[in-house]
Amino acid sequence: MTSNAESGPLSGNGRVGASGPTPSLWLHLLKLSSIASACGLLLCAVPAMLLDGVTGVLSSTSGGLLVMLFFGISLLVGHFVGRSNPSGAIGMFVATYFVKVVGFAVVLFVVGAPQWLDGRWFVAGAVTAVVLWQAAEIYGFSKARLQIYNDPEPKENPDA
């Protein structure tokens, strides 16, 4: 049986570098997600400004920034906990999520909504930030290189 596939480039004797895990995964996700959400908030601010003026812009921006703060805390916790205990990062995500939900709920009920806040634009900014943040996180995780196994330590050359 013969193949009609081209052979491609010849193998060389050059060293092929090992590809390791993505450095600082959580900070990379924070940057990527923050940029995506901020761009979405800028786009959300345009119709808010045209329809309801500065109040609409402040409302949509504050809704989006609250979401970004909410998710950003988790990624920062993942970064700091993941450096010393990578397998414990997920457990800390769960604990942090519970604390954030209860904490933000208490703040919202105690402080309440300011008079200038337009609820529709607040929700529009929050939803925009959530959707774009999650999409950016999914994209970032899909491109991340996670090391599953410990690489063997290089052996010392006894001949040298």
N, C-alpha and C. Protein backbone atom coordinates (compact mmCIF):
# COMPACT_ATOMS: atom_id res chain seq x y z
N MET A 1 0.85 -1.16 0.00
CA MET A 1 0.00 0.00 0.00
C MET A 1 0.91 1.23 0.00
N THR A 2 0.57 2.18 -0.81
CA THR A 2 1.37 3.39 -0.90
C THR A 2 0.57 4.57 -0.40
N SER A 3 1.27 5.59 0.01
CA SER A 3 0.63 6.80 0.51
C SER A 3 0.87 7.94 -0.46
N ASN A 4 -0.12 8.78 -0.64
CA ASN A 4 0.07 9.94 -1.50
C ASN A 4 0.31 11.20 -0.67
N ALA A 5 0.50 11.00 0.61
CA ALA A 5 0.77 12.14 1.48
C ALA A 5 2.20 12.60 1.31
N GLU A 6 2.40 13.90 1.33
CA GLU A 6 3.76 14.41 1.22
C GLU A 6 4.50 14.14 2.52
N SER A 7 5.78 13.99 2.38
CA SER A 7 6.57 13.63 3.56
C SER A 7 6.77 14.81 4.50
N GLY A 8 6.66 16.02 4.02
CA GLY A 8 6.84 17.18 4.87
C GLY A 8 8.31 17.42 5.14
N PRO A 9 8.61 18.32 6.07
CA PRO A 9 10.02 18.63 6.35
C PRO A 9 10.70 17.46 7.05
N LEU A 10 11.97 17.32 6.76
CA LEU A 10 12.75 16.25 7.38
C LEU A 10 13.01 16.57 8.84
N SER A 11 13.08 15.52 9.62
CA SER A 11 13.40 15.69 11.03
C SER A 11 14.84 16.10 11.17
N GLY A 12 15.10 17.00 12.07
CA GLY A 12 16.47 17.44 12.29
C GLY A 12 17.00 16.91 13.59
N ASN A 13 18.23 17.23 13.83
CA ASN A 13 18.85 16.83 15.08
C ASN A 13 18.71 17.91 16.14
N GLY A 14 18.04 19.01 15.79
CA GLY A 14 17.89 20.11 16.74
C GLY A 14 17.01 19.73 17.91
N ARG A 15 17.22 20.41 18.98
CA ARG A 15 16.46 20.14 20.21
C ARG A 15 15.08 20.79 20.10
N VAL A 16 14.09 20.06 20.48
CA VAL A 16 12.73 20.59 20.54
C VAL A 16 12.47 20.96 21.99
N GLY A 17 12.08 22.20 22.21
CA GLY A 17 11.83 22.65 23.57
C GLY A 17 10.55 22.08 24.14
N ALA A 18 10.56 21.84 25.40
CA ALA A 18 9.36 21.35 26.07
C ALA A 18 8.41 22.50 26.29
N SER A 19 7.14 22.22 26.14
CA SER A 19 6.16 23.27 26.42
C SER A 19 5.57 22.97 27.79
N GLY A 20 5.67 23.93 28.64
CA GLY A 20 5.21 23.75 30.01
C GLY A 20 3.84 24.35 30.21
N PRO A 21 3.39 24.39 31.43
CA PRO A 21 2.09 24.95 31.74
C PRO A 21 2.06 26.46 31.50
N THR A 22 0.86 26.99 31.32
CA THR A 22 0.69 28.43 31.14
C THR A 22 1.10 29.12 32.43
N PRO A 23 2.04 30.07 32.36
CA PRO A 23 2.42 30.76 33.59
C PRO A 23 1.30 31.71 34.03
N SER A 24 1.02 31.74 35.29
CA SER A 24 0.06 32.65 35.89
C SER A 24 -1.29 32.61 35.17
N LEU A 25 -1.89 31.43 35.13
CA LEU A 25 -3.16 31.23 34.43
C LEU A 25 -4.24 32.17 34.94
N TRP A 26 -4.37 32.32 36.25
CA TRP A 26 -5.46 33.11 36.82
C TRP A 26 -5.33 34.58 36.48
N LEU A 27 -4.11 35.11 36.51
CA LEU A 27 -3.92 36.52 36.15
C LEU A 27 -4.15 36.74 34.67
N HIS A 28 -3.79 35.76 33.86
CA HIS A 28 -4.06 35.86 32.42
C HIS A 28 -5.57 35.89 32.17
N LEU A 29 -6.30 35.03 32.86
CA LEU A 29 -7.76 35.02 32.71
C LEU A 29 -8.37 36.32 33.22
N LEU A 30 -7.82 36.86 34.29
CA LEU A 30 -8.32 38.13 34.82
C LEU A 30 -8.14 39.25 33.80
N LYS A 31 -6.96 39.30 33.19
CA LYS A 31 -6.69 40.33 32.19
C LYS A 31 -7.59 40.17 30.97
N LEU A 32 -7.67 38.96 30.46
CA LEU A 32 -8.47 38.68 29.27
C LEU A 32 -9.96 38.98 29.51
N SER A 33 -10.47 38.53 30.63
CA SER A 33 -11.89 38.74 30.94
C SER A 33 -12.20 40.20 31.24
N SER A 34 -11.29 40.88 31.90
CA SER A 34 -11.50 42.30 32.20
C SER A 34 -11.54 43.13 30.92
N ILE A 35 -10.65 42.83 29.99
CA ILE A 35 -10.63 43.56 28.73
C ILE A 35 -11.92 43.32 27.95
N ALA A 36 -12.36 42.06 27.89
CA ALA A 36 -13.59 41.75 27.16
C ALA A 36 -14.79 42.44 27.78
N SER A 37 -14.90 42.40 29.10
CA SER A 37 -16.04 43.03 29.79
C SER A 37 -16.00 44.54 29.66
N ALA A 38 -14.83 45.13 29.77
CA ALA A 38 -14.71 46.58 29.65
C ALA A 38 -15.10 47.05 28.25
N CYS A 39 -14.70 46.30 27.23
CA CYS A 39 -15.10 46.65 25.87
C CYS A 39 -16.62 46.56 25.71
N GLY A 40 -17.21 45.53 26.31
CA GLY A 40 -18.67 45.38 26.26
C GLY A 40 -19.37 46.52 26.98
N LEU A 41 -18.80 46.96 28.10
CA LEU A 41 -19.40 48.08 28.84
C LEU A 41 -19.31 49.37 28.05
N LEU A 42 -18.23 49.55 27.32
CA LEU A 42 -18.13 50.73 26.45
C LEU A 42 -19.21 50.70 25.37
N LEU A 43 -19.42 49.53 24.79
CA LEU A 43 -20.47 49.40 23.77
C LEU A 43 -21.86 49.58 24.38
N CYS A 44 -22.04 49.13 25.60
CA CYS A 44 -23.33 49.27 26.29
C CYS A 44 -23.58 50.73 26.67
N ALA A 45 -22.52 51.47 26.91
CA ALA A 45 -22.66 52.87 27.31
C ALA A 45 -23.18 53.76 26.19
N VAL A 46 -22.93 53.37 24.94
CA VAL A 46 -23.37 54.20 23.81
C VAL A 46 -24.90 54.32 23.75
N PRO A 47 -25.63 53.20 23.70
CA PRO A 47 -27.10 53.36 23.69
C PRO A 47 -27.63 53.93 25.01
N ALA A 48 -26.95 53.62 26.11
CA ALA A 48 -27.38 54.17 27.40
C ALA A 48 -27.29 55.70 27.38
N MET A 49 -26.23 56.21 26.79
CA MET A 49 -26.05 57.67 26.70
C MET A 49 -27.09 58.28 25.77
N LEU A 50 -27.32 57.62 24.64
CA LEU A 50 -28.29 58.15 23.67
C LEU A 50 -29.72 58.14 24.20
N LEU A 51 -30.07 57.12 24.97
CA LEU A 51 -31.45 56.98 25.43
C LEU A 51 -31.73 57.64 26.78
N ASP A 52 -30.77 57.55 27.71
CA ASP A 52 -31.03 58.06 29.05
C ASP A 52 -29.94 58.97 29.60
N GLY A 53 -28.98 59.34 28.79
CA GLY A 53 -27.96 60.29 29.21
C GLY A 53 -26.97 59.71 30.20
N VAL A 54 -26.44 60.59 31.01
CA VAL A 54 -25.39 60.22 31.96
C VAL A 54 -25.89 59.19 32.97
N THR A 55 -27.15 59.29 33.36
CA THR A 55 -27.71 58.33 34.32
C THR A 55 -27.65 56.91 33.77
N GLY A 56 -27.97 56.74 32.49
CA GLY A 56 -27.91 55.43 31.86
C GLY A 56 -26.49 54.90 31.81
N VAL A 57 -25.55 55.78 31.47
CA VAL A 57 -24.14 55.36 31.40
C VAL A 57 -23.64 54.96 32.78
N LEU A 58 -23.92 55.76 33.80
CA LEU A 58 -23.47 55.42 35.16
C LEU A 58 -24.11 54.12 35.64
N SER A 59 -25.37 53.93 35.32
CA SER A 59 -26.06 52.71 35.75
C SER A 59 -25.50 51.47 35.08
N SER A 60 -25.32 51.52 33.76
CA SER A 60 -24.79 50.35 33.06
C SER A 60 -23.35 50.07 33.47
N THR A 61 -22.58 51.12 33.66
CA THR A 61 -21.18 50.95 34.06
C THR A 61 -21.09 50.38 35.48
N SER A 62 -21.91 50.87 36.38
CA SER A 62 -21.85 50.36 37.76
C SER A 62 -22.30 48.91 37.82
N GLY A 63 -23.30 48.52 37.02
CA GLY A 63 -23.71 47.11 36.99
C GLY A 63 -22.60 46.22 36.47
N GLY A 64 -21.93 46.67 35.41
CA GLY A 64 -20.84 45.88 34.85
C GLY A 64 -19.63 45.82 35.76
N LEU A 65 -19.31 46.93 36.40
CA LEU A 65 -18.16 46.95 37.31
C LEU A 65 -18.39 46.08 38.54
N LEU A 66 -19.63 46.03 39.00
CA LEU A 66 -19.95 45.15 40.13
C LEU A 66 -19.71 43.69 39.75
N VAL A 67 -20.13 43.31 38.55
CA VAL A 67 -19.91 41.95 38.07
C VAL A 67 -18.41 41.67 37.93
N MET A 68 -17.68 42.63 37.36
CA MET A 68 -16.24 42.45 37.19
C MET A 68 -15.54 42.30 38.53
N LEU A 69 -15.96 43.07 39.52
CA LEU A 69 -15.39 42.94 40.87
C LEU A 69 -15.71 41.56 41.43
N PHE A 70 -16.95 41.13 41.27
CA PHE A 70 -17.40 39.84 41.78
C PHE A 70 -16.55 38.71 41.21
N PHE A 71 -16.38 38.68 39.90
CA PHE A 71 -15.60 37.60 39.27
C PHE A 71 -14.10 37.80 39.47
N GLY A 72 -13.64 39.03 39.50
CA GLY A 72 -12.22 39.30 39.65
C GLY A 72 -11.67 38.81 40.98
N ILE A 73 -12.48 38.93 42.04
CA ILE A 73 -12.05 38.44 43.35
C ILE A 73 -11.75 36.94 43.28
N SER A 74 -12.60 36.19 42.58
CA SER A 74 -12.38 34.74 42.47
C SER A 74 -11.08 34.42 41.77
N LEU A 75 -10.79 35.13 40.69
CA LEU A 75 -9.56 34.84 39.97
C LEU A 75 -8.33 35.23 40.78
N LEU A 76 -8.43 36.30 41.55
CA LEU A 76 -7.30 36.66 42.41
C LEU A 76 -7.09 35.63 43.52
N VAL A 77 -8.18 35.13 44.08
CA VAL A 77 -8.07 34.07 45.08
C VAL A 77 -7.45 32.83 44.44
N GLY A 78 -7.89 32.49 43.24
CA GLY A 78 -7.31 31.35 42.53
C GLY A 78 -5.83 31.52 42.29
N HIS A 79 -5.43 32.75 41.97
CA HIS A 79 -4.01 33.01 41.72
C HIS A 79 -3.18 32.82 42.99
N PHE A 80 -3.61 33.44 44.08
CA PHE A 80 -2.81 33.38 45.31
C PHE A 80 -2.85 32.01 45.97
N VAL A 81 -4.01 31.36 45.97
CA VAL A 81 -4.10 30.02 46.56
C VAL A 81 -3.44 29.00 45.64
N GLY A 82 -3.62 29.17 44.33
CA GLY A 82 -3.07 28.22 43.36
C GLY A 82 -1.57 28.15 43.34
N ARG A 83 -0.89 29.22 43.76
CA ARG A 83 0.57 29.19 43.79
C ARG A 83 1.10 28.23 44.84
N SER A 84 0.44 28.20 45.99
CA SER A 84 0.94 27.33 47.07
C SER A 84 0.22 25.99 47.13
N ASN A 85 -1.02 25.94 46.65
CA ASN A 85 -1.81 24.71 46.71
C ASN A 85 -2.71 24.63 45.48
N PRO A 86 -2.18 24.22 44.32
CA PRO A 86 -2.97 24.23 43.10
C PRO A 86 -4.26 23.41 43.18
N SER A 87 -4.22 22.29 43.87
CA SER A 87 -5.44 21.46 43.95
C SER A 87 -6.47 22.07 44.89
N GLY A 88 -6.06 22.96 45.76
CA GLY A 88 -6.99 23.59 46.68
C GLY A 88 -7.66 24.83 46.12
N ALA A 89 -7.26 25.26 44.93
CA ALA A 89 -7.82 26.48 44.34
C ALA A 89 -9.32 26.34 44.08
N ILE A 90 -9.75 25.18 43.61
CA ILE A 90 -11.17 24.99 43.30
C ILE A 90 -12.01 25.05 44.58
N GLY A 91 -11.52 24.46 45.65
CA GLY A 91 -12.23 24.54 46.93
C GLY A 91 -12.35 25.97 47.43
N MET A 92 -11.29 26.73 47.22
CA MET A 92 -11.35 28.14 47.62
C MET A 92 -12.30 28.93 46.74
N PHE A 93 -12.42 28.54 45.45
CA PHE A 93 -13.40 29.19 44.58
C PHE A 93 -14.80 29.04 45.16
N VAL A 94 -15.13 27.83 45.61
CA VAL A 94 -16.47 27.57 46.16
C VAL A 94 -16.69 28.39 47.42
N ALA A 95 -15.72 28.38 48.32
CA ALA A 95 -15.85 29.15 49.56
C ALA A 95 -15.95 30.64 49.28
N THR A 96 -15.12 31.12 48.37
CA THR A 96 -15.14 32.54 48.02
C THR A 96 -16.46 32.93 47.38
N TYR A 97 -16.98 32.06 46.53
CA TYR A 97 -18.26 32.34 45.87
C TYR A 97 -19.36 32.52 46.91
N PHE A 98 -19.41 31.63 47.88
CA PHE A 98 -20.44 31.73 48.93
C PHE A 98 -20.30 33.03 49.71
N VAL A 99 -19.08 33.37 50.10
CA VAL A 99 -18.83 34.60 50.85
C VAL A 99 -19.22 35.82 50.02
N LYS A 100 -18.88 35.81 48.73
CA LYS A 100 -19.21 36.95 47.87
C LYS A 100 -20.71 37.12 47.71
N VAL A 101 -21.43 36.02 47.47
CA VAL A 101 -22.88 36.11 47.29
C VAL A 101 -23.54 36.68 48.54
N VAL A 102 -23.17 36.14 49.69
CA VAL A 102 -23.75 36.63 50.94
C VAL A 102 -23.32 38.07 51.19
N GLY A 103 -22.04 38.37 50.98
CA GLY A 103 -21.53 39.72 51.21
C GLY A 103 -22.17 40.76 50.31
N PHE A 104 -22.26 40.47 49.02
CA PHE A 104 -22.88 41.43 48.09
C PHE A 104 -24.37 41.59 48.39
N ALA A 105 -25.04 40.50 48.77
CA ALA A 105 -26.46 40.59 49.11
C ALA A 105 -26.66 41.48 50.34
N VAL A 106 -25.83 41.30 51.35
CA VAL A 106 -25.94 42.13 52.55
C VAL A 106 -25.71 43.60 52.21
N VAL A 107 -24.68 43.87 51.42
CA VAL A 107 -24.39 45.25 51.03
C VAL A 107 -25.56 45.85 50.26
N LEU A 108 -26.10 45.12 49.30
CA LEU A 108 -27.21 45.64 48.50
C LEU A 108 -28.45 45.90 49.35
N PHE A 109 -28.73 45.01 50.31
CA PHE A 109 -29.90 45.21 51.16
C PHE A 109 -29.69 46.32 52.18
N VAL A 110 -28.50 46.44 52.72
CA VAL A 110 -28.22 47.47 53.72
C VAL A 110 -28.11 48.85 53.07
N VAL A 111 -27.33 48.95 52.02
CA VAL A 111 -27.11 50.23 51.36
C VAL A 111 -28.31 50.60 50.49
N GLY A 112 -28.84 49.63 49.76
CA GLY A 112 -29.96 49.91 48.87
C GLY A 112 -29.50 50.53 47.56
N ALA A 113 -30.44 50.77 46.69
CA ALA A 113 -30.12 51.36 45.39
C ALA A 113 -30.17 52.89 45.49
N PRO A 114 -29.17 53.56 44.93
CA PRO A 114 -29.21 55.02 44.94
C PRO A 114 -30.34 55.55 44.06
N GLN A 115 -30.73 56.79 44.29
CA GLN A 115 -31.85 57.38 43.56
C GLN A 115 -31.57 57.50 42.06
N TRP A 116 -30.34 57.75 41.70
CA TRP A 116 -30.01 57.98 40.30
C TRP A 116 -29.93 56.70 39.48
N LEU A 117 -29.91 55.54 40.13
CA LEU A 117 -29.70 54.27 39.44
C LEU A 117 -30.90 53.89 38.58
N ASP A 118 -30.66 53.64 37.32
CA ASP A 118 -31.69 53.14 36.40
C ASP A 118 -31.55 51.63 36.34
N GLY A 119 -32.55 50.92 36.85
CA GLY A 119 -32.48 49.47 36.97
C GLY A 119 -32.28 48.75 35.65
N ARG A 120 -32.92 49.24 34.59
CA ARG A 120 -32.78 48.56 33.29
C ARG A 120 -31.35 48.61 32.78
N TRP A 121 -30.72 49.78 32.89
CA TRP A 121 -29.35 49.90 32.40
C TRP A 121 -28.37 49.19 33.33
N PHE A 122 -28.68 49.16 34.62
CA PHE A 122 -27.84 48.42 35.57
C PHE A 122 -27.81 46.95 35.19
N VAL A 123 -28.98 46.38 34.91
CA VAL A 123 -29.08 44.97 34.52
C VAL A 123 -28.41 44.76 33.16
N ALA A 124 -28.61 45.69 32.22
CA ALA A 124 -28.00 45.55 30.90
C ALA A 124 -26.47 45.52 31.01
N GLY A 125 -25.89 46.40 31.81
CA GLY A 125 -24.45 46.40 32.00
C GLY A 125 -23.96 45.13 32.69
N ALA A 126 -24.72 44.68 33.69
CA ALA A 126 -24.34 43.47 34.42
C ALA A 126 -24.40 42.24 33.51
N VAL A 127 -25.46 42.12 32.72
CA VAL A 127 -25.58 40.97 31.82
C VAL A 127 -24.50 41.00 30.75
N THR A 128 -24.23 42.18 30.22
CA THR A 128 -23.17 42.32 29.22
C THR A 128 -21.83 41.86 29.80
N ALA A 129 -21.53 42.32 31.01
CA ALA A 129 -20.26 41.95 31.64
C ALA A 129 -20.20 40.45 31.93
N VAL A 130 -21.30 39.86 32.41
CA VAL A 130 -21.31 38.43 32.73
C VAL A 130 -21.06 37.60 31.47
N VAL A 131 -21.80 37.91 30.41
CA VAL A 131 -21.69 37.12 29.18
C VAL A 131 -20.28 37.21 28.60
N LEU A 132 -19.75 38.42 28.51
CA LEU A 132 -18.41 38.58 27.92
C LEU A 132 -17.32 38.05 28.84
N TRP A 133 -17.49 38.19 30.14
CA TRP A 133 -16.50 37.66 31.09
C TRP A 133 -16.43 36.14 30.96
N GLN A 134 -17.60 35.50 30.98
CA GLN A 134 -17.63 34.05 30.89
C GLN A 134 -17.09 33.55 29.55
N ALA A 135 -17.43 34.24 28.47
CA ALA A 135 -16.91 33.85 27.15
C ALA A 135 -15.39 33.97 27.12
N ALA A 136 -14.86 35.04 27.69
CA ALA A 136 -13.40 35.21 27.72
C ALA A 136 -12.74 34.16 28.60
N GLU A 137 -13.37 33.80 29.71
CA GLU A 137 -12.80 32.75 30.58
C GLU A 137 -12.79 31.41 29.86
N ILE A 138 -13.87 31.09 29.18
CA ILE A 138 -13.93 29.83 28.44
C ILE A 138 -12.84 29.80 27.37
N TYR A 139 -12.70 30.90 26.65
CA TYR A 139 -11.66 30.99 25.63
C TYR A 139 -10.27 30.85 26.27
N GLY A 140 -10.06 31.55 27.37
CA GLY A 140 -8.76 31.49 28.04
C GLY A 140 -8.44 30.10 28.56
N PHE A 141 -9.43 29.43 29.15
CA PHE A 141 -9.20 28.06 29.63
C PHE A 141 -8.94 27.11 28.46
N SER A 142 -9.62 27.33 27.33
CA SER A 142 -9.42 26.43 26.19
C SER A 142 -8.03 26.56 25.61
N LYS A 143 -7.39 27.70 25.76
CA LYS A 143 -6.04 27.91 25.24
C LYS A 143 -4.95 27.65 26.27
N ALA A 144 -5.34 27.42 27.51
CA ALA A 144 -4.36 27.21 28.58
C ALA A 144 -3.70 25.85 28.45
N ARG A 145 -2.47 25.80 28.83
CA ARG A 145 -1.74 24.54 28.87
C ARG A 145 -1.57 24.16 30.33
N LEU A 146 -2.35 23.19 30.76
CA LEU A 146 -2.31 22.75 32.14
C LEU A 146 -1.47 21.49 32.25
N GLN A 147 -0.52 21.51 33.15
CA GLN A 147 0.34 20.35 33.35
C GLN A 147 -0.37 19.37 34.26
N ILE A 148 -0.56 18.16 33.76
CA ILE A 148 -1.29 17.16 34.52
C ILE A 148 -0.34 16.27 35.32
N TYR A 149 0.78 15.93 34.72
CA TYR A 149 1.73 15.03 35.34
C TYR A 149 2.98 15.79 35.73
N ASN A 150 3.64 15.33 36.76
CA ASN A 150 4.94 15.90 37.12
C ASN A 150 5.98 15.39 36.15
N ASP A 151 6.72 16.29 35.58
CA ASP A 151 7.81 15.88 34.69
C ASP A 151 8.93 15.29 35.53
N PRO A 152 9.60 14.27 34.99
CA PRO A 152 10.73 13.70 35.75
C PRO A 152 11.86 14.72 35.85
N GLU A 153 12.54 14.67 36.97
CA GLU A 153 13.66 15.56 37.17
C GLU A 153 14.79 15.15 36.24
N PRO A 154 15.49 16.11 35.64
CA PRO A 154 16.61 15.73 34.77
C PRO A 154 17.70 15.07 35.60
N LYS A 155 18.24 13.98 35.03
CA LYS A 155 19.29 13.24 35.74
C LYS A 155 20.63 13.92 35.50
N GLU A 156 21.42 13.91 36.55
CA GLU A 156 22.77 14.44 36.44
C GLU A 156 23.59 13.52 35.57
N ASN A 157 24.42 14.09 34.73
CA ASN A 157 25.30 13.30 33.86
C ASN A 157 26.50 12.81 34.67
N PRO A 158 26.57 11.51 34.95
CA PRO A 158 27.69 11.01 35.77
C PRO A 158 29.02 11.05 35.04
N ASP A 159 29.00 11.18 33.71
CA ASP A 159 30.23 11.17 32.94
C ASP A 159 30.91 12.53 32.96
N ALA A 160 30.20 13.57 33.34
CA ALA A 160 30.76 14.91 33.25
C ALA A 160 31.61 15.25 34.43
